[in-house]
């Protein structure tokens, strides 16, 4: 924990032992194979939206960890606007998961949400010890974020219904790996007790 600035100069008012992380869900899906991801991503988004609402009611911070998709001059809000207004196939996904003013965000430069981002520092200021990881895709960005979280000694939950990949089989294999190697809880989101995670 940083010694001098307990609240990141007033910019991080929340403290909570658990945080909900949404990985690459502000996404236009305009890439090779993106058409195959639309349906599973929307199913996951419905579960994530319900989980996000439960988190909000319990005072659990929500963090969007999002790729810039090569748009190095853009910011997160521009990415949201692009997905909502430019007729992209990911629009229904973003409509379900549009960020709220109280949500946090970090821009990813690579696959892991920790690599060369402010995520770890933000989590330190939030005093988070447990992470609920959701997003796309389970066999790449969620997997590598879970690996980095594990290496940093965070407890990890990856609700299986809150992830998607182009291949359903690869999604299942990724979740099995995350559970076996990183000791993650991969139960479905509806059985995840956020209040208990917050109290622990």
C-alpha atoms as a PDB file:
ATOM      1  CA  UNK A   1       0.000   0.000   0.000  1.00  0.00           C
ATOM      2  CA  UNK A   2       1.437   3.410  -0.923  1.00  0.00           C
ATOM      3  CA  UNK A   3       2.508   5.182   2.258  1.00  0.00           C
ATOM      4  CA  UNK A   4       1.847   8.843   1.474  1.00  0.00           C
ATOM      5  CA  UNK A   5      -1.430   9.050  -0.431  1.00  0.00           C
ATOM      6  CA  UNK A   6      -4.096   6.917   1.159  1.00  0.00           C
ATOM      7  CA  UNK A   7      -6.747   7.747  -1.436  1.00  0.00           C
ATOM      8  CA  UNK A   8      -4.810   8.482  -4.645  1.00  0.00           C
ATOM      9  CA  UNK A   9      -5.232  12.237  -4.162  1.00  0.00           C
ATOM     10  CA  UNK A  10      -8.958  11.883  -3.555  1.00  0.00           C
ATOM     11  CA  UNK A  11      -9.604  10.042  -6.809  1.00  0.00           C
ATOM     12  CA  UNK A  12     -10.359   6.645  -5.284  1.00  0.00           C
ATOM     13  CA  UNK A  13     -12.971   7.138  -2.564  1.00  0.00           C
ATOM     14  CA  UNK A  14     -13.932   3.471  -2.370  1.00  0.00           C
ATOM     15  CA  UNK A  15     -12.321   0.834  -0.246  1.00  0.00           C
ATOM     16  CA  UNK A  16     -13.518  -2.719  -0.556  1.00  0.00           C
ATOM     17  CA  UNK A  17     -11.894  -6.137  -0.166  1.00  0.00           C
ATOM     18  CA  UNK A  18     -13.420  -7.331  -3.457  1.00  0.00           C
ATOM     19  CA  UNK A  19     -13.616  -5.772  -6.921  1.00  0.00           C
ATOM     20  CA  UNK A  20     -15.506  -6.774 -10.055  1.00  0.00           C
ATOM     21  CA  UNK A  21     -13.374  -6.557 -13.205  1.00  0.00           C
ATOM     22  CA  UNK A  22     -14.919  -6.458 -16.697  1.00  0.00           C
ATOM     23  CA  UNK A  23     -12.349  -7.407 -19.325  1.00  0.00           C
ATOM     24  CA  UNK A  24     -12.663  -6.189 -22.945  1.00  0.00           C
ATOM     25  CA  UNK A  25     -16.445  -5.898 -22.805  1.00  0.00           C
ATOM     26  CA  UNK A  26     -16.577  -2.489 -24.439  1.00  0.00           C
ATOM     27  CA  UNK A  27     -15.882  -4.140 -27.736  1.00  0.00           C
ATOM     28  CA  UNK A  28     -17.041  -3.564 -31.295  1.00  0.00           C
ATOM     29  CA  UNK A  29     -16.355  -7.239 -32.167  1.00  0.00           C
ATOM     30  CA  UNK A  30     -15.214  -6.046 -35.596  1.00  0.00           C
ATOM     31  CA  UNK A  31     -12.369  -8.518 -36.057  1.00  0.00           C
ATOM     32  CA  UNK A  32     -11.843 -11.902 -37.677  1.00  0.00           C
ATOM     33  CA  UNK A  33     -14.051 -14.369 -35.831  1.00  0.00           C
ATOM     34  CA  UNK A  34     -15.966 -11.599 -34.082  1.00  0.00           C
ATOM     35  CA  UNK A  35     -19.182 -12.764 -35.721  1.00  0.00           C
ATOM     36  CA  UNK A  36     -18.780 -16.100 -33.908  1.00  0.00           C
ATOM     37  CA  UNK A  37     -18.344 -14.314 -30.598  1.00  0.00           C
ATOM     38  CA  UNK A  38     -21.507 -12.189 -30.724  1.00  0.00           C
ATOM     39  CA  UNK A  39     -23.936 -14.801 -29.389  1.00  0.00           C
ATOM     40  CA  UNK A  40     -21.788 -16.193 -26.530  1.00  0.00           C
ATOM     41  CA  UNK A  41     -20.652 -12.675 -25.601  1.00  0.00           C
ATOM     42  CA  UNK A  42     -24.252 -11.495 -25.332  1.00  0.00           C
ATOM     43  CA  UNK A  43     -25.155 -14.467 -23.121  1.00  0.00           C
ATOM     44  CA  UNK A  44     -22.218 -13.650 -20.877  1.00  0.00           C
ATOM     45  CA  UNK A  45     -23.094  -9.935 -20.911  1.00  0.00           C
ATOM     46  CA  UNK A  46     -26.577 -10.647 -19.582  1.00  0.00           C
ATOM     47  CA  UNK A  47     -25.103 -12.532 -16.625  1.00  0.00           C
ATOM     48  CA  UNK A  48     -22.437  -9.865 -16.105  1.00  0.00           C
ATOM     49  CA  UNK A  49     -25.014  -7.066 -16.129  1.00  0.00           C
ATOM     50  CA  UNK A  50     -26.968  -8.839 -13.375  1.00  0.00           C
ATOM     51  CA  UNK A  51     -23.770  -9.433 -11.399  1.00  0.00           C
ATOM     52  CA  UNK A  52     -22.734  -5.804 -11.833  1.00  0.00           C
ATOM     53  CA  UNK A  53     -26.056  -4.623 -10.429  1.00  0.00           C
ATOM     54  CA  UNK A  54     -25.627  -6.900  -7.399  1.00  0.00           C
ATOM     55  CA  UNK A  55     -22.102  -5.543  -6.926  1.00  0.00           C
ATOM     56  CA  UNK A  56     -23.338  -1.959  -7.142  1.00  0.00           C
ATOM     57  CA  UNK A  57     -25.965  -2.595  -4.452  1.00  0.00           C
ATOM     58  CA  UNK A  58     -23.271  -4.006  -2.147  1.00  0.00           C
ATOM     59  CA  UNK A  59     -20.805  -1.186  -2.665  1.00  0.00           C
ATOM     60  CA  UNK A  60     -18.369  -3.335  -4.643  1.00  0.00           C
ATOM     61  CA  UNK A  61     -16.341  -1.281  -7.133  1.00  0.00           C
ATOM     62  CA  UNK A  62     -16.572  -2.125 -10.823  1.00  0.00           C
ATOM     63  CA  UNK A  63     -13.482  -1.778 -13.000  1.00  0.00           C
ATOM     64  CA  UNK A  64     -13.528  -1.892 -16.794  1.00  0.00           C
ATOM     65  CA  UNK A  65     -10.199  -3.199 -18.089  1.00  0.00           C
ATOM     66  CA  UNK A  66     -10.402  -2.582 -21.779  1.00  0.00           C
ATOM     67  CA  UNK A  67      -8.195  -2.929 -24.826  1.00  0.00           C
ATOM     68  CA  UNK A  68      -7.680   0.203 -26.890  1.00  0.00           C
ATOM     69  CA  UNK A  69      -7.949  -1.955 -30.050  1.00  0.00           C
ATOM     70  CA  UNK A  70      -5.073  -0.102 -31.676  1.00  0.00           C
ATOM     71  CA  UNK A  71      -6.760   3.291 -31.257  1.00  0.00           C
ATOM     72  CA  UNK A  72      -3.849   4.896 -29.450  1.00  0.00           C
ATOM     73  CA  UNK A  73      -5.280   8.409 -29.693  1.00  0.00           C
ATOM     74  CA  UNK A  74      -8.662   7.406 -28.301  1.00  0.00           C
ATOM     75  CA  UNK A  75      -9.777   7.162 -24.700  1.00  0.00           C
ATOM     76  CA  UNK A  76     -12.251   4.882 -22.969  1.00  0.00           C
ATOM     77  CA  UNK A  77     -15.227   7.194 -23.506  1.00  0.00           C
ATOM     78  CA  UNK A  78     -14.470   7.421 -27.213  1.00  0.00           C
ATOM     79  CA  UNK A  79     -14.397   3.628 -27.369  1.00  0.00           C
ATOM     80  CA  UNK A  80     -17.819   3.464 -25.692  1.00  0.00           C
ATOM     81  CA  UNK A  81     -19.190   6.057 -28.135  1.00  0.00           C
ATOM     82  CA  UNK A  82     -17.727   4.195 -31.134  1.00  0.00           C
ATOM     83  CA  UNK A  83     -19.371   0.937 -30.031  1.00  0.00           C
ATOM     84  CA  UNK A  84     -22.749   2.588 -29.473  1.00  0.00           C
ATOM     85  CA  UNK A  85     -22.938   4.894 -32.485  1.00  0.00           C
ATOM     86  CA  UNK A  86     -20.974   3.418 -35.387  1.00  0.00           C
ATOM     87  CA  UNK A  87     -23.189   0.464 -36.331  1.00  0.00           C
ATOM     88  CA  UNK A  88     -20.764  -2.195 -35.102  1.00  0.00           C
ATOM     89  CA  UNK A  89     -21.725  -5.779 -34.297  1.00  0.00           C
ATOM     90  CA  UNK A  90     -20.749  -5.321 -30.631  1.00  0.00           C
ATOM     91  CA  UNK A  91     -23.331  -2.599 -30.008  1.00  0.00           C
ATOM     92  CA  UNK A  92     -25.854  -4.829 -28.127  1.00  0.00           C
ATOM     93  CA  UNK A  93     -23.046  -5.981 -25.857  1.00  0.00           C
ATOM     94  CA  UNK A  94     -22.092  -2.422 -24.926  1.00  0.00           C
ATOM     95  CA  UNK A  95     -25.713  -1.378 -24.509  1.00  0.00           C
ATOM     96  CA  UNK A  96     -26.045  -4.050 -21.816  1.00  0.00           C
ATOM     97  CA  UNK A  97     -22.817  -3.087 -20.065  1.00  0.00           C
ATOM     98  CA  UNK A  98     -22.527   0.651 -20.587  1.00  0.00           C
ATOM     99  CA  UNK A  99     -20.287   2.071 -17.833  1.00  0.00           C
ATOM    100  CA  UNK A 100     -21.797   4.187 -15.070  1.00  0.00           C
ATOM    101  CA  UNK A 101     -20.186   7.404 -13.781  1.00  0.00           C
ATOM    102  CA  UNK A 102     -19.022   5.681 -10.590  1.00  0.00           C
ATOM    103  CA  UNK A 103     -17.227   2.872 -12.432  1.00  0.00           C
ATOM    104  CA  UNK A 104     -13.452   2.780 -12.827  1.00  0.00           C
ATOM    105  CA  UNK A 105     -11.563   1.963 -16.001  1.00  0.00           C
ATOM    106  CA  UNK A 106      -8.040   1.134 -17.116  1.00  0.00           C
ATOM    107  CA  UNK A 107      -6.864   0.825 -20.701  1.00  0.00           C
ATOM    108  CA  UNK A 108      -5.026  -2.393 -21.554  1.00  0.00           C
ATOM    109  CA  UNK A 109      -2.039  -2.384 -23.858  1.00  0.00           C
ATOM    110  CA  UNK A 110      -1.737  -6.169 -24.110  1.00  0.00           C
ATOM    111  CA  UNK A 111      -3.743  -9.239 -23.167  1.00  0.00           C
ATOM    112  CA  UNK A 112      -3.444  -9.115 -19.380  1.00  0.00           C
ATOM    113  CA  UNK A 113      -5.302  -6.320 -17.596  1.00  0.00           C
ATOM    114  CA  UNK A 114      -2.241  -5.962 -15.346  1.00  0.00           C
ATOM    115  CA  UNK A 115       0.444  -5.584 -17.999  1.00  0.00           C
ATOM    116  CA  UNK A 116       1.627  -1.940 -18.271  1.00  0.00           C
ATOM    117  CA  UNK A 117      -1.629  -0.608 -16.755  1.00  0.00           C
ATOM    118  CA  UNK A 118      -2.644   1.107 -13.518  1.00  0.00           C
ATOM    119  CA  UNK A 119      -4.820  -1.809 -12.410  1.00  0.00           C
ATOM    120  CA  UNK A 120      -2.566  -3.145  -9.660  1.00  0.00           C
ATOM    121  CA  UNK A 121      -2.073   0.318  -8.145  1.00  0.00           C
ATOM    122  CA  UNK A 122      -5.803   1.012  -8.304  1.00  0.00           C
ATOM    123  CA  UNK A 123      -6.529  -2.274  -6.528  1.00  0.00           C
ATOM    124  CA  UNK A 124      -3.996  -1.371  -3.844  1.00  0.00           C
ATOM    125  CA  UNK A 125      -5.769   1.910  -3.154  1.00  0.00           C
ATOM    126  CA  UNK A 126      -9.120   0.123  -3.131  1.00  0.00           C
ATOM    127  CA  UNK A 127      -7.582  -2.359  -0.656  1.00  0.00           C
ATOM    128  CA  UNK A 128      -8.958  -5.221  -2.747  1.00  0.00           C
ATOM    129  CA  UNK A 129      -7.810  -8.747  -1.955  1.00  0.00           C
ATOM    130  CA  UNK A 130     -10.324 -10.688  -4.043  1.00  0.00           C
ATOM    131  CA  UNK A 131     -11.168 -10.236  -7.721  1.00  0.00           C
ATOM    132  CA  UNK A 132     -14.204 -11.353  -9.666  1.00  0.00           C
ATOM    133  CA  UNK A 133     -12.983 -11.551 -13.258  1.00  0.00           C
ATOM    134  CA  UNK A 134     -15.441 -11.518 -16.155  1.00  0.00           C
ATOM    135  CA  UNK A 135     -15.194 -10.883 -19.862  1.00  0.00           C
ATOM    136  CA  UNK A 136     -13.855 -11.970 -23.230  1.00  0.00           C
ATOM    137  CA  UNK A 137     -12.157 -14.021 -24.116  1.00  0.00           C
ATOM    138  CA  UNK A 138     -11.679 -16.665 -21.447  1.00  0.00           C
ATOM    139  CA  UNK A 139      -8.964 -18.442 -23.410  1.00  0.00           C
ATOM    140  CA  UNK A 140      -6.834 -15.313 -23.828  1.00  0.00           C
ATOM    141  CA  UNK A 141      -7.339 -12.036 -21.936  1.00  0.00           C
ATOM    142  CA  UNK A 142      -9.299 -13.439 -18.990  1.00  0.00           C
ATOM    143  CA  UNK A 143      -6.842 -16.327 -18.654  1.00  0.00           C
ATOM    144  CA  UNK A 144      -3.767 -14.080 -18.708  1.00  0.00           C
ATOM    145  CA  UNK A 145      -5.344 -11.578 -16.326  1.00  0.00           C
ATOM    146  CA  UNK A 146      -6.150 -14.452 -13.950  1.00  0.00           C
ATOM    147  CA  UNK A 147      -2.523 -15.608 -14.186  1.00  0.00           C
ATOM    148  CA  UNK A 148      -1.216 -12.168 -13.272  1.00  0.00           C
ATOM    149  CA  UNK A 149      -3.756 -11.853 -10.445  1.00  0.00           C
ATOM    150  CA  UNK A 150      -2.662 -15.234  -9.091  1.00  0.00           C
ATOM    151  CA  UNK A 151       1.002 -14.197  -9.200  1.00  0.00           C
ATOM    152  CA  UNK A 152       0.063 -11.118  -7.176  1.00  0.00           C
ATOM    153  CA  UNK A 153      -1.694 -13.245  -4.532  1.00  0.00           C
ATOM    154  CA  UNK A 154      -5.242 -12.094  -5.224  1.00  0.00           C
ATOM    155  CA  UNK A 155      -8.038 -14.559  -4.556  1.00  0.00           C
ATOM    156  CA  UNK A 156      -9.835 -15.130  -7.843  1.00  0.00           C
ATOM    157  CA  UNK A 157     -13.397 -15.846  -8.907  1.00  0.00           C
ATOM    158  CA  UNK A 158     -14.190 -16.329 -12.602  1.00  0.00           C
ATOM    159  CA  UNK A 159     -17.922 -17.066 -12.893  1.00  0.00           C
ATOM    160  CA  UNK A 160     -18.240 -19.505 -15.768  1.00  0.00           C
ATOM    161  CA  UNK A 161     -21.384 -17.876 -17.162  1.00  0.00           C
ATOM    162  CA  UNK A 162     -19.648 -14.474 -17.258  1.00  0.00           C
ATOM    163  CA  UNK A 163     -17.021 -15.400 -19.855  1.00  0.00           C
ATOM    164  CA  UNK A 164     -17.071 -16.074 -23.574  1.00  0.00           C
ATOM    165  CA  UNK A 165     -14.678 -17.160 -26.304  1.00  0.00           C
ATOM    166  CA  UNK A 166     -15.018 -17.800 -30.028  1.00  0.00           C
ATOM    167  CA  UNK A 167     -14.854 -21.543 -29.283  1.00  0.00           C
ATOM    168  CA  UNK A 168     -17.110 -22.931 -26.542  1.00  0.00           C
ATOM    169  CA  UNK A 169     -14.717 -25.868 -26.119  1.00  0.00           C
ATOM    170  CA  UNK A 170     -11.727 -23.562 -25.646  1.00  0.00           C
ATOM    171  CA  UNK A 171     -13.754 -21.481 -23.195  1.00  0.00           C
ATOM    172  CA  UNK A 172     -14.434 -24.583 -21.084  1.00  0.00           C
ATOM    173  CA  UNK A 173     -10.783 -25.658 -21.218  1.00  0.00           C
ATOM    174  CA  UNK A 174      -9.629 -22.183 -20.178  1.00  0.00           C
ATOM    175  CA  UNK A 175     -11.988 -22.178 -17.192  1.00  0.00           C
ATOM    176  CA  UNK A 176     -10.821 -25.643 -16.164  1.00  0.00           C
ATOM    177  CA  UNK A 177      -7.228 -24.455 -16.337  1.00  0.00           C
ATOM    178  CA  UNK A 178      -7.979 -21.302 -14.341  1.00  0.00           C
ATOM    179  CA  UNK A 179      -9.709 -23.375 -11.686  1.00  0.00           C
ATOM    180  CA  UNK A 180      -7.004 -26.063 -11.503  1.00  0.00           C
ATOM    181  CA  UNK A 181      -3.870 -23.937 -11.709  1.00  0.00           C
ATOM    182  CA  UNK A 182      -4.949 -20.622 -10.177  1.00  0.00           C
ATOM    183  CA  UNK A 183      -7.365 -22.133  -7.641  1.00  0.00           C
ATOM    184  CA  UNK A 184     -10.155 -19.889  -8.903  1.00  0.00           C
ATOM    185  CA  UNK A 185     -13.792 -20.261  -7.981  1.00  0.00           C
ATOM    186  CA  UNK A 186     -15.598 -20.794 -11.307  1.00  0.00           C
ATOM    187  CA  UNK A 187     -19.138 -21.375 -10.071  1.00  0.00           C
ATOM    188  CA  UNK A 188     -21.961 -19.590 -11.912  1.00  0.00           C
ATOM    189  CA  UNK A 189     -22.583 -15.976 -10.978  1.00  0.00           C
ATOM    190  CA  UNK A 190     -26.051 -16.618  -9.553  1.00  0.00           C
ATOM    191  CA  UNK A 191     -24.495 -18.817  -6.845  1.00  0.00           C
ATOM    192  CA  UNK A 192     -21.679 -16.382  -6.053  1.00  0.00           C
ATOM    193  CA  UNK A 193     -22.193 -14.797  -2.623  1.00  0.00           C
ATOM    194  CA  UNK A 194     -20.891 -11.250  -3.060  1.00  0.00           C
ATOM    195  CA  UNK A 195     -21.870 -10.257   0.467  1.00  0.00           C
ATOM    196  CA  UNK A 196     -19.765 -13.098   1.855  1.00  0.00           C
ATOM    197  CA  UNK A 197     -16.827 -12.153  -0.379  1.00  0.00           C
ATOM    198  CA  UNK A 198     -17.104  -8.600   0.905  1.00  0.00           C
ATOM    199  CA  UNK A 199     -17.127  -9.664   4.566  1.00  0.00           C
ATOM    200  CA  UNK A 200     -14.184 -12.081   4.385  1.00  0.00           C
END
